Amino acid sequence: GTVLSSAAEAERIDLGDVHGILEGDLLAAFRRTDNHYRPLGTVQIIESHPTWSRPGGPVAAQLQQGDLVLGIRTVRQIGTGSDFSEAFLNRQLIRNSNRNGYSTLREQESAQVLRTIVNRQQRWVKQLKPVAGRIRGASVTPADFQSLQPLLSQIRRCQDFSAIGIPLEKCASPEWAAVTAVLTPRPAVETASSAPRNKQPAAPDASLPNPDSSPDSLAATLNRRIELIQQESSVVLFDRFPEERILANLICTAIGIENPRNEPLWIGLELARSQFPELADDREMQQEIPEILKRVRNASEQ
């Protein structure tokens, strides 16, 4: 959904009880500028109603009308359509026991959304996609949601980067670390995909320590590498958007860990899976990221 009113007007967002958002839930907040999204951090819901909610916390005070908010539920957490419907109706009985209730129009809106969720739930269960379905506020049109696909793709890559040990708070930003954590599903039962796997290790990057080194030594060297990458990217990519530099930092750091056999191809694929897919065809960026890697490797050898 999106922010309907700013903090000066008692901020409200168009996600509510119908959408399964409850008091205490955390949502990720983003702001769109220059045709891309910048993470603001997380907001906690302090009031939840059928057609709107109110966020709280330091980030909520910075929200502006039109800012994007995202939440996540696994299919297991949603349950069956009947479970979801029953839980919603029970919450409404409790909420309205000592108040006059909502307008007929709002009740109709809530009922319509509820029917949609019930009807689509079985299809979501069968979907073999990272995002099986969506529940969106009225302020987010289907066209708006389609434009979010590059951002959702980058969020999934940030989740992957975090899973291989890249500290997003240092490599990207504290805001990226916060929103990625909130938007990472937590399965109730460990599955084959979520269980640790014994991956065949690739040959280590020369700028990283021996894999037999202590965890503290590995972390210190990785942090030093991230610092070098950020220093060099600020020079090489001085005329790029900050979010483009963050993306380059993540790609360069991941290359040092994954050590792909074909770096140019790997870089192109990562750019295509970011919120800047057009950079996959940008020759300058295709040259600038290897230049950053070259500078970092030279600095590491000194």
C-alpha atoms as a PDB file:
ATOM      1  CA  GLY A   1       0.000   0.000   0.000  1.00  0.00           C
ATOM      2  CA  THR A   2       0.939   3.656   0.178  1.00  0.00           C
ATOM      3  CA  VAL A   3       0.908   6.414   2.754  1.00  0.00           C
ATOM      4  CA  LEU A   4      -2.363   8.336   2.552  1.00  0.00           C
ATOM      5  CA  SER A   5      -1.411  11.289   4.755  1.00  0.00           C
ATOM      6  CA  SER A   6       1.787  12.684   6.244  1.00  0.00           C
ATOM      7  CA  ALA A   7       2.827  12.860   9.884  1.00  0.00           C
ATOM      8  CA  ALA A   8       1.526  16.419  10.130  1.00  0.00           C
ATOM      9  CA  GLU A   9      -1.956  15.069   9.412  1.00  0.00           C
ATOM     10  CA  ALA A  10      -1.680  11.922  11.573  1.00  0.00           C
ATOM     11  CA  GLU A  11      -0.108   9.530   9.053  1.00  0.00           C
ATOM     12  CA  ARG A  12      -2.321   6.765   7.671  1.00  0.00           C
ATOM     13  CA  ILE A  13      -1.615   3.923   5.266  1.00  0.00           C
ATOM     14  CA  ASP A  14      -4.108   1.960   3.217  1.00  0.00           C
ATOM     15  CA  LEU A  15      -3.395  -1.454   4.727  1.00  0.00           C
ATOM     16  CA  GLY A  16      -5.674  -2.705   7.463  1.00  0.00           C
ATOM     17  CA  ASP A  17      -7.213  -5.643   9.240  1.00  0.00           C
ATOM     18  CA  VAL A  18      -8.640  -7.092   6.027  1.00  0.00           C
ATOM     19  CA  HIS A  19      -5.085  -7.442   4.773  1.00  0.00           C
ATOM     20  CA  GLY A  20      -3.932  -9.278   7.886  1.00  0.00           C
ATOM     21  CA  ILE A  21      -1.914  -6.363   9.271  1.00  0.00           C
ATOM     22  CA  LEU A  22      -2.218  -6.172  13.050  1.00  0.00           C
ATOM     23  CA  GLU A  23      -1.001  -3.895  15.831  1.00  0.00           C
ATOM     24  CA  GLY A  24       2.679  -4.579  16.438  1.00  0.00           C
ATOM     25  CA  ASP A  25       3.408  -5.794  12.902  1.00  0.00           C
ATOM     26  CA  LEU A  26       6.433  -4.346  11.117  1.00  0.00           C
ATOM     27  CA  LEU A  27       6.310  -3.071   7.549  1.00  0.00           C
ATOM     28  CA  ALA A  28       9.064  -1.920   5.205  1.00  0.00           C
ATOM     29  CA  ALA A  29       8.837   1.656   3.921  1.00  0.00           C
ATOM     30  CA  PHE A  30      10.267   2.987   0.639  1.00  0.00           C
ATOM     31  CA  ARG A  31      10.278   6.327  -1.155  1.00  0.00           C
ATOM     32  CA  ARG A  32      10.323   6.641  -4.930  1.00  0.00           C
ATOM     33  CA  THR A  33      12.636   9.317  -6.312  1.00  0.00           C
ATOM     34  CA  ASP A  34      14.215   9.659  -9.761  1.00  0.00           C
ATOM     35  CA  ASN A  35      12.377   6.522 -10.960  1.00  0.00           C
ATOM     36  CA  HIS A  36      13.824   4.231  -8.306  1.00  0.00           C
ATOM     37  CA  TYR A  37      13.137   3.327  -4.684  1.00  0.00           C
ATOM     38  CA  ARG A  38      15.113   4.219  -1.579  1.00  0.00           C
ATOM     39  CA  PRO A  39      14.431   2.273   1.641  1.00  0.00           C
ATOM     40  CA  LEU A  40      13.401   4.402   4.608  1.00  0.00           C
ATOM     41  CA  GLY A  41      13.456   1.607   7.193  1.00  0.00           C
ATOM     42  CA  THR A  42      10.662  -0.123   9.081  1.00  0.00           C
ATOM     43  CA  VAL A  43       7.476   1.139  10.701  1.00  0.00           C
ATOM     44  CA  GLN A  44       5.418  -0.588  13.373  1.00  0.00           C
ATOM     45  CA  ILE A  45       1.631  -0.586  13.171  1.00  0.00           C
ATOM     46  CA  ILE A  46       0.083   1.008  16.262  1.00  0.00           C
ATOM     47  CA  GLU A  47      -3.521   1.096  15.005  1.00  0.00           C
ATOM     48  CA  SER A  48      -5.103  -1.330  12.552  1.00  0.00           C
ATOM     49  CA  HIS A  49      -8.540  -0.839  10.994  1.00  0.00           C
ATOM     50  CA  PRO A  50     -10.374  -2.575   8.147  1.00  0.00           C
ATOM     51  CA  THR A  51      -9.511   0.048   5.545  1.00  0.00           C
ATOM     52  CA  TRP A  52      -6.466   1.840   6.974  1.00  0.00           C
ATOM     53  CA  SER A  53      -3.713   1.594   9.580  1.00  0.00           C
ATOM     54  CA  ARG A  54      -1.515   4.011  11.499  1.00  0.00           C
ATOM     55  CA  PRO A  55       2.242   3.444  11.811  1.00  0.00           C
ATOM     56  CA  GLY A  56       4.497   4.503  14.649  1.00  0.00           C
ATOM     57  CA  GLY A  57       8.189   4.888  15.386  1.00  0.00           C
ATOM     58  CA  PRO A  58      10.955   7.211  14.172  1.00  0.00           C
ATOM     59  CA  VAL A  59      10.578   6.264  10.503  1.00  0.00           C
ATOM     60  CA  ALA A  60       6.813   6.891  10.609  1.00  0.00           C
ATOM     61  CA  ALA A  61       7.493  10.536  11.454  1.00  0.00           C
ATOM     62  CA  GLN A  62       9.413  10.862   8.163  1.00  0.00           C
ATOM     63  CA  LEU A  63       6.707   9.361   5.948  1.00  0.00           C
ATOM     64  CA  GLN A  64       5.252  11.423   3.139  1.00  0.00           C
ATOM     65  CA  GLN A  65       2.079  10.946   1.166  1.00  0.00           C
ATOM     66  CA  GLY A  66       2.685   8.393  -1.585  1.00  0.00           C
ATOM     67  CA  ASP A  67       5.498   6.508   0.168  1.00  0.00           C
ATOM     68  CA  LEU A  68       5.346   2.754  -0.379  1.00  0.00           C
ATOM     69  CA  VAL A  69       4.814   0.240   2.433  1.00  0.00           C
ATOM     70  CA  LEU A  70       5.302  -3.524   2.068  1.00  0.00           C
ATOM     71  CA  GLY A  71       4.618  -6.474   4.334  1.00  0.00           C
ATOM     72  CA  ILE A  72       4.968 -10.219   3.872  1.00  0.00           C
ATOM     73  CA  ARG A  73       3.107 -13.368   4.900  1.00  0.00           C
ATOM     74  CA  THR A  74       3.879 -16.956   4.015  1.00  0.00           C
ATOM     75  CA  VAL A  75       1.060 -19.089   2.659  1.00  0.00           C
ATOM     76  CA  ARG A  76       1.284 -21.107   5.870  1.00  0.00           C
ATOM     77  CA  GLN A  77       0.783 -17.962   7.962  1.00  0.00           C
ATOM     78  CA  ILE A  78      -2.266 -16.911   5.931  1.00  0.00           C
ATOM     79  CA  GLY A  79      -3.878 -20.327   6.337  1.00  0.00           C
ATOM     80  CA  THR A  80      -6.936 -21.350   4.362  1.00  0.00           C
ATOM     81  CA  GLY A  81      -9.387 -18.814   2.998  1.00  0.00           C
ATOM     82  CA  SER A  82     -11.885 -19.855   5.657  1.00  0.00           C
ATOM     83  CA  ASP A  83      -9.278 -19.432   8.414  1.00  0.00           C
ATOM     84  CA  PHE A  84      -8.427 -15.937   7.216  1.00  0.00           C
ATOM     85  CA  SER A  85     -12.084 -14.929   6.897  1.00  0.00           C
ATOM     86  CA  GLU A  86     -13.006 -16.279  10.324  1.00  0.00           C
ATOM     87  CA  ALA A  87     -10.061 -14.547  12.009  1.00  0.00           C
ATOM     88  CA  PHE A  88     -10.991 -11.227  10.404  1.00  0.00           C
ATOM     89  CA  LEU A  89     -14.656 -11.466  11.392  1.00  0.00           C
ATOM     90  CA  ASN A  90     -13.746 -12.387  14.969  1.00  0.00           C
ATOM     91  CA  ARG A  91     -11.441  -9.359  15.223  1.00  0.00           C
ATOM     92  CA  GLN A  92     -14.198  -7.118  13.920  1.00  0.00           C
ATOM     93  CA  LEU A  93     -16.687  -8.417  16.492  1.00  0.00           C
ATOM     94  CA  ILE A  94     -14.230  -7.568  19.259  1.00  0.00           C
ATOM     95  CA  ARG A  95     -13.353  -4.147  17.803  1.00  0.00           C
ATOM     96  CA  ASN A  96     -16.959  -3.085  17.274  1.00  0.00           C
ATOM     97  CA  SER A  97     -18.416  -4.397  20.518  1.00  0.00           C
ATOM     98  CA  ASN A  98     -18.139  -0.976  22.161  1.00  0.00           C
ATOM     99  CA  ARG A  99     -18.385   1.350  19.165  1.00  0.00           C
ATOM    100  CA  ASN A 100     -20.849   2.243  16.446  1.00  0.00           C
ATOM    101  CA  GLY A 101     -18.982   0.359  13.729  1.00  0.00           C
ATOM    102  CA  TYR A 102     -18.007   1.486  10.256  1.00  0.00           C
ATOM    103  CA  SER A 103     -19.996   2.941   7.397  1.00  0.00           C
ATOM    104  CA  THR A 104     -21.868   0.689   5.007  1.00  0.00           C
ATOM    105  CA  LEU A 105     -19.425   1.662   2.232  1.00  0.00           C
ATOM    106  CA  ARG A 106     -16.422   0.604   4.277  1.00  0.00           C
ATOM    107  CA  GLU A 107     -18.132  -2.640   5.240  1.00  0.00           C
ATOM    108  CA  GLN A 108     -18.737  -3.328   1.557  1.00  0.00           C
ATOM    109  CA  GLU A 109     -15.091  -2.584   0.733  1.00  0.00           C
ATOM    110  CA  SER A 110     -13.925  -4.922   3.481  1.00  0.00           C
ATOM    111  CA  ALA A 111     -16.282  -7.687   2.362  1.00  0.00           C
ATOM    112  CA  GLN A 112     -15.123  -7.371  -1.245  1.00  0.00           C
ATOM    113  CA  VAL A 113     -11.440  -7.640  -0.319  1.00  0.00           C
ATOM    114  CA  LEU A 114     -12.199 -10.554   1.982  1.00  0.00           C
ATOM    115  CA  ARG A 115     -13.969 -12.449  -0.800  1.00  0.00           C
ATOM    116  CA  THR A 116     -11.028 -11.805  -3.117  1.00  0.00           C
ATOM    117  CA  ILE A 117      -8.572 -13.250  -0.595  1.00  0.00           C
ATOM    118  CA  VAL A 118     -10.728 -16.326  -0.012  1.00  0.00           C
ATOM    119  CA  ASN A 119     -11.093 -16.926  -3.755  1.00  0.00           C
ATOM    120  CA  ARG A 120      -7.393 -16.529  -4.513  1.00  0.00           C
ATOM    121  CA  GLN A 121      -5.931 -18.428  -1.557  1.00  0.00           C
ATOM    122  CA  GLN A 122      -5.963 -21.865  -3.209  1.00  0.00           C
ATOM    123  CA  ARG A 123      -4.209 -20.464  -6.271  1.00  0.00           C
ATOM    124  CA  TRP A 124      -1.520 -18.940  -4.056  1.00  0.00           C
ATOM    125  CA  VAL A 125      -0.855 -22.330  -2.467  1.00  0.00           C
ATOM    126  CA  LYS A 126      -0.191 -23.853  -5.890  1.00  0.00           C
ATOM    127  CA  GLN A 127       2.100 -21.072  -7.100  1.00  0.00           C
ATOM    128  CA  LEU A 128       5.769 -22.054  -7.290  1.00  0.00           C
ATOM    129  CA  LYS A 129       7.008 -18.465  -7.237  1.00  0.00           C
ATOM    130  CA  PRO A 130       8.803 -16.348  -4.630  1.00  0.00           C
ATOM    131  CA  VAL A 131       5.747 -14.061  -4.588  1.00  0.00           C
ATOM    132  CA  ALA A 132       2.691 -16.299  -4.901  1.00  0.00           C
ATOM    133  CA  GLY A 133       0.114 -13.538  -4.678  1.00  0.00           C
ATOM    134  CA  ARG A 134      -0.535 -10.014  -3.533  1.00  0.00           C
ATOM    135  CA  ILE A 135      -2.972  -8.130  -1.345  1.00  0.00           C
ATOM    136  CA  ARG A 136      -2.775  -4.459  -2.214  1.00  0.00           C
ATOM    137  CA  GLY A 137      -4.396  -1.337  -0.949  1.00  0.00           C
ATOM    138  CA  ALA A 138      -6.745   0.614  -3.198  1.00  0.00           C
ATOM    139  CA  SER A 139      -4.065   3.267  -3.746  1.00  0.00           C
ATOM    140  CA  VAL A 140      -1.853   0.734  -5.559  1.00  0.00           C
ATOM    141  CA  THR A 141      -3.187  -0.013  -9.031  1.00  0.00           C
ATOM    142  CA  PRO A 142      -2.260  -3.163 -10.992  1.00  0.00           C
ATOM    143  CA  ALA A 143       0.014  -0.972 -13.141  1.00  0.00           C
ATOM    144  CA  ASP A 144       1.695   0.390  -9.998  1.00  0.00           C
ATOM    145  CA  PHE A 145       2.277  -3.133  -8.719  1.00  0.00           C
ATOM    146  CA  GLN A 146       3.797  -4.177 -12.037  1.00  0.00           C
ATOM    147  CA  SER A 147       6.259  -1.297 -11.768  1.00  0.00           C
ATOM    148  CA  LEU A 148       7.345  -2.703  -8.386  1.00  0.00           C
ATOM    149  CA  GLN A 149       8.691  -5.934  -9.884  1.00  0.00           C
ATOM    150  CA  PRO A 150      12.311  -4.689 -10.235  1.00  0.00           C
ATOM    151  CA  LEU A 151      12.272  -3.561  -6.591  1.00  0.00           C
ATOM    152  CA  LEU A 152      10.879  -6.921  -5.443  1.00  0.00           C
ATOM    153  CA  SER A 153      13.578  -8.671  -7.462  1.00  0.00           C
ATOM    154  CA  GLN A 154      16.295  -6.614  -5.778  1.00  0.00           C
ATOM    155  CA  ILE A 155      14.821  -7.318  -2.345  1.00  0.00           C
ATOM    156  CA  ARG A 156      15.049 -11.054  -3.065  1.00  0.00           C
ATOM    157  CA  ARG A 157      18.683 -10.664  -4.121  1.00  0.00           C
ATOM    158  CA  CYS A 158      19.413  -8.756  -0.913  1.00  0.00           C
ATOM    159  CA  GLN A 159      17.922 -11.699   0.972  1.00  0.00           C
ATOM    160  CA  ASP A 160      20.242 -14.024  -0.961  1.00  0.00           C
ATOM    161  CA  PHE A 161      23.259 -11.799  -0.279  1.00  0.00           C
ATOM    162  CA  SER A 162      22.450 -11.740   3.424  1.00  0.00           C
ATOM    163  CA  ALA A 163      22.130 -15.541   3.415  1.00  0.00           C
ATOM    164  CA  ILE A 164      25.700 -15.975   2.096  1.00  0.00           C
ATOM    165  CA  GLY A 165      27.093 -13.764   4.836  1.00  0.00           C
ATOM    166  CA  ILE A 166      27.173 -10.264   3.364  1.00  0.00           C
ATOM    167  CA  PRO A 167      26.446  -7.726   6.142  1.00  0.00           C
ATOM    168  CA  LEU A 168      23.863  -5.501   4.465  1.00  0.00           C
ATOM    169  CA  GLU A 169      24.116  -2.834   7.158  1.00  0.00           C
ATOM    170  CA  LYS A 170      27.766  -2.243   6.219  1.00  0.00           C
ATOM    171  CA  CYS A 171      27.698  -3.095   2.520  1.00  0.00           C
ATOM    172  CA  ALA A 172      24.415  -1.379   1.592  1.00  0.00           C
ATOM    173  CA  SER A 173      22.857   0.683   4.408  1.00  0.00           C
ATOM    174  CA  PRO A 174      21.122   0.177   7.775  1.00  0.00           C
ATOM    175  CA  GLU A 175      17.845   0.900   5.983  1.00  0.00           C
ATOM    176  CA  TRP A 176      18.407  -1.870   3.439  1.00  0.00           C
ATOM    177  CA  ALA A 177      19.319  -4.270   6.234  1.00  0.00           C
ATOM    178  CA  ALA A 178      16.132  -3.390   8.134  1.00  0.00           C
ATOM    179  CA  VAL A 179      13.700  -3.720   5.223  1.00  0.00           C
ATOM    180  CA  THR A 180      15.334  -6.925   3.980  1.00  0.00           C
ATOM    181  CA  ALA A 181      14.998  -8.526   7.411  1.00  0.00           C
ATOM    182  CA  VAL A 182      11.316  -7.552   7.702  1.00  0.00           C
ATOM    183  CA  LEU A 183      10.555  -8.859   4.203  1.00  0.00           C
ATOM    184  CA  THR A 184      12.357 -12.187   4.656  1.00  0.00           C
ATOM    185  CA  PRO A 185       9.865 -15.031   5.261  1.00  0.00           C
ATOM    186  CA  ARG A 186      10.359 -17.101   8.388  1.00  0.00           C
ATOM    187  CA  PRO A 187       9.044 -20.625   7.682  1.00  0.00           C
ATOM    188  CA  ALA A 188       7.468 -22.295  10.706  1.00  0.00           C
ATOM    189  CA  VAL A 189       8.948 -25.617   9.614  1.00  0.00           C
ATOM    190  CA  GLU A 190      12.416 -25.837   8.102  1.00  0.00           C
ATOM    191  CA  THR A 191      12.199 -26.911   4.481  1.00  0.00           C
ATOM    192  CA  ALA A 192      14.774 -28.270   2.091  1.00  0.00           C
ATOM    193  CA  SER A 193      15.237 -24.798   0.605  1.00  0.00           C
ATOM    194  CA  SER A 194      15.678 -23.121   3.986  1.00  0.00           C
ATOM    195  CA  ALA A 195      17.945 -25.786   5.509  1.00  0.00           C
ATOM    196  CA  PRO A 196      21.711 -25.191   5.378  1.00  0.00           C
ATOM    197  CA  ARG A 197      23.309 -26.843   2.361  1.00  0.00           C
ATOM    198  CA  ASN A 198      26.860 -28.031   1.960  1.00  0.00           C
ATOM    199  CA  LYS A 199      27.738 -26.026  -1.108  1.00  0.00           C
ATOM    200  CA  GLN A 200      30.837 -27.057  -3.033  1.00  0.00           C
ATOM    201  CA  PRO A 201      33.249 -24.223  -2.255  1.00  0.00           C
ATOM    202  CA  ALA A 202      34.662 -22.267  -5.156  1.00  0.00           C
ATOM    203  CA  ALA A 203      38.255 -21.131  -5.304  1.00  0.00           C
ATOM    204  CA  PRO A 204      38.518 -18.176  -2.911  1.00  0.00           C
ATOM    205  CA  ASP A 205      39.065 -14.646  -4.144  1.00  0.00           C
ATOM    206  CA  ALA A 206      42.677 -13.659  -3.663  1.00  0.00           C
ATOM    207  CA  SER A 207      41.615 -10.592  -1.697  1.00  0.00           C
ATOM    208  CA  LEU A 208      39.752 -12.707   0.879  1.00  0.00           C
ATOM    209  CA  PRO A 209      41.419 -14.666   3.701  1.00  0.00           C
ATOM    210  CA  ASN A 210      42.075 -18.391   3.757  1.00  0.00           C
ATOM    211  CA  PRO A 211      38.758 -20.183   4.452  1.00  0.00           C
ATOM    212  CA  ASP A 212      40.452 -21.988   7.344  1.00  0.00           C
ATOM    213  CA  SER A 213      40.966 -18.674   9.137  1.00  0.00           C
ATOM    214  CA  SER A 214      39.054 -17.896  12.320  1.00  0.00           C
ATOM    215  CA  PRO A 215      35.532 -16.415  12.040  1.00  0.00           C
ATOM    216  CA  ASP A 216      36.773 -13.139  13.526  1.00  0.00           C
ATOM    217  CA  SER A 217      39.555 -12.953  10.949  1.00  0.00           C
ATOM    218  CA  LEU A 218      37.134 -13.690   8.113  1.00  0.00           C
ATOM    219  CA  ALA A 219      34.699 -11.015   9.314  1.00  0.00           C
ATOM    220  CA  ALA A 220      37.459  -8.433   9.734  1.00  0.00           C
ATOM    221  CA  THR A 221      38.835  -9.093   6.256  1.00  0.00           C
ATOM    222  CA  LEU A 222      35.362  -8.980   4.687  1.00  0.00           C
ATOM    223  CA  ASN A 223      34.657  -5.674   6.430  1.00  0.00           C
ATOM    224  CA  ARG A 224      37.962  -4.305   5.148  1.00  0.00           C
ATOM    225  CA  ARG A 225      37.100  -5.436   1.630  1.00  0.00           C
ATOM    226  CA  ILE A 226      33.701  -3.722   1.874  1.00  0.00           C
ATOM    227  CA  GLU A 227      35.412  -0.506   2.973  1.00  0.00           C
ATOM    228  CA  LEU A 228      37.753  -0.676  -0.031  1.00  0.00           C
ATOM    229  CA  ILE A 229      34.846  -1.344  -2.392  1.00  0.00           C
ATOM    230  CA  GLN A 230      32.921   1.629  -1.020  1.00  0.00           C
ATOM    231  CA  GLN A 231      35.961   3.893  -1.308  1.00  0.00           C
ATOM    232  CA  GLU A 232      36.589   2.912  -4.913  1.00  0.00           C
ATOM    233  CA  SER A 233      32.917   2.977  -5.950  1.00  0.00           C
ATOM    234  CA  SER A 234      32.566   6.515  -4.598  1.00  0.00           C
ATOM    235  CA  VAL A 235      35.349   7.507  -7.012  1.00  0.00           C
ATOM    236  CA  VAL A 236      34.473   5.397 -10.052  1.00  0.00           C
ATOM    237  CA  LEU A 237      30.702   5.913  -9.723  1.00  0.00           C
ATOM    238  CA  PHE A 238      30.796   9.506  -8.470  1.00  0.00           C
ATOM    239  CA  ASP A 239      28.129  10.579 -10.965  1.00  0.00           C
ATOM    240  CA  ARG A 240      25.714   7.713 -10.235  1.00  0.00           C
ATOM    241  CA  PHE A 241      22.690   7.681  -7.943  1.00  0.00           C
ATOM    242  CA  PRO A 242      23.490   6.567  -4.357  1.00  0.00           C
ATOM    243  CA  GLU A 243      21.267   3.503  -4.854  1.00  0.00           C
ATOM    244  CA  GLU A 244      23.256   2.567  -7.970  1.00  0.00           C
ATOM    245  CA  ARG A 245      26.482   2.758  -5.946  1.00  0.00           C
ATOM    246  CA  ILE A 246      24.922   0.572  -3.250  1.00  0.00           C
ATOM    247  CA  LEU A 247      24.011  -1.980  -5.914  1.00  0.00           C
ATOM    248  CA  ALA A 248      27.580  -1.954  -7.245  1.00  0.00           C
ATOM    249  CA  ASN A 249      28.920  -2.424  -3.698  1.00  0.00           C
ATOM    250  CA  LEU A 250      26.702  -5.482  -3.212  1.00  0.00           C
ATOM    251  CA  ILE A 251      27.706  -6.996  -6.549  1.00  0.00           C
ATOM    252  CA  CYS A 252      31.426  -6.465  -5.934  1.00  0.00           C
ATOM    253  CA  THR A 253      31.198  -7.926  -2.428  1.00  0.00           C
ATOM    254  CA  ALA A 254      29.208 -10.938  -3.643  1.00  0.00           C
ATOM    255  CA  ILE A 255      31.756 -11.616  -6.398  1.00  0.00           C
ATOM    256  CA  GLY A 256      34.459 -11.941  -3.743  1.00  0.00           C
ATOM    257  CA  ILE A 257      32.397 -14.622  -1.999  1.00  0.00           C
ATOM    258  CA  GLU A 258      30.788 -16.454  -4.925  1.00  0.00           C
ATOM    259  CA  ASN A 259      33.837 -16.154  -7.215  1.00  0.00           C
ATOM    260  CA  PRO A 260      31.896 -16.736 -10.464  1.00  0.00           C
ATOM    261  CA  ARG A 261      33.808 -18.241 -13.385  1.00  0.00           C
ATOM    262  CA  ASN A 262      32.508 -15.622 -15.826  1.00  0.00           C
ATOM    263  CA  GLU A 263      32.490 -12.299 -13.994  1.00  0.00           C
ATOM    264  CA  PRO A 264      31.180 -10.118 -16.864  1.00  0.00           C
ATOM    265  CA  LEU A 265      28.214 -12.445 -17.429  1.00  0.00           C
ATOM    266  CA  TRP A 266      27.523 -12.655 -13.687  1.00  0.00           C
ATOM    267  CA  ILE A 267      27.613  -8.865 -13.344  1.00  0.00           C
ATOM    268  CA  GLY A 268      25.149  -8.487 -16.209  1.00  0.00           C
ATOM    269  CA  LEU A 269      22.753 -10.993 -14.644  1.00  0.00           C
ATOM    270  CA  GLU A 270      22.903  -9.237 -11.271  1.00  0.00           C
ATOM    271  CA  LEU A 271      22.224  -5.850 -12.841  1.00  0.00           C
ATOM    272  CA  ALA A 272      19.229  -7.331 -14.682  1.00  0.00           C
ATOM    273  CA  ARG A 273      17.851  -8.664 -11.377  1.00  0.00           C
ATOM    274  CA  SER A 274      18.127  -5.300  -9.631  1.00  0.00           C
ATOM    275  CA  GLN A 275      15.730  -2.361  -9.502  1.00  0.00           C
ATOM    276  CA  PHE A 276      17.864  -0.922 -12.327  1.00  0.00           C
ATOM    277  CA  PRO A 277      17.480  -3.659 -14.987  1.00  0.00           C
ATOM    278  CA  GLU A 278      18.362  -1.158 -17.711  1.00  0.00           C
ATOM    279  CA  LEU A 279      21.943  -1.128 -16.359  1.00  0.00           C
ATOM    280  CA  ALA A 280      22.411  -4.629 -17.776  1.00  0.00           C
ATOM    281  CA  ASP A 281      22.676  -2.902 -21.174  1.00  0.00           C
ATOM    282  CA  ASP A 282      24.729   0.030 -19.875  1.00  0.00           C
ATOM    283  CA  ARG A 283      28.259  -0.396 -21.255  1.00  0.00           C
ATOM    284  CA  GLU A 284      29.701   2.156 -18.873  1.00  0.00           C
ATOM    285  CA  MET A 285      28.409   0.300 -15.807  1.00  0.00           C
ATOM    286  CA  GLN A 286      29.628  -2.989 -17.314  1.00  0.00           C
ATOM    287  CA  GLN A 287      33.099  -1.429 -17.374  1.00  0.00           C
ATOM    288  CA  GLU A 288      32.894   0.480 -14.093  1.00  0.00           C
ATOM    289  CA  ILE A 289      32.173  -2.497 -11.830  1.00  0.00           C
ATOM    290  CA  PRO A 290      35.215  -4.476 -13.108  1.00  0.00           C
ATOM    291  CA  GLU A 291      37.275  -1.302 -12.638  1.00  0.00           C
ATOM    292  CA  ILE A 292      36.191  -1.162  -8.985  1.00  0.00           C
ATOM    293  CA  LEU A 293      37.133  -4.831  -8.545  1.00  0.00           C
ATOM    294  CA  LYS A 294      40.524  -4.225 -10.160  1.00  0.00           C
ATOM    295  CA  ARG A 295      41.273  -1.309  -7.840  1.00  0.00           C
ATOM    296  CA  VAL A 296      40.182  -3.280  -4.769  1.00  0.00           C
ATOM    297  CA  ARG A 297      42.323  -6.281  -5.699  1.00  0.00           C
ATOM    298  CA  ASN A 298      45.337  -4.078  -6.340  1.00  0.00           C
ATOM    299  CA  ALA A 299      44.865  -2.356  -2.981  1.00  0.00           C
ATOM    300  CA  SER A 300      44.530  -5.727  -1.229  1.00  0.00           C
ATOM    301  CA  GLU A 301      47.836  -6.933  -2.662  1.00  0.00           C
ATOM    302  CA  GLN A 302      49.763  -3.920  -1.374  1.00  0.00           C
END
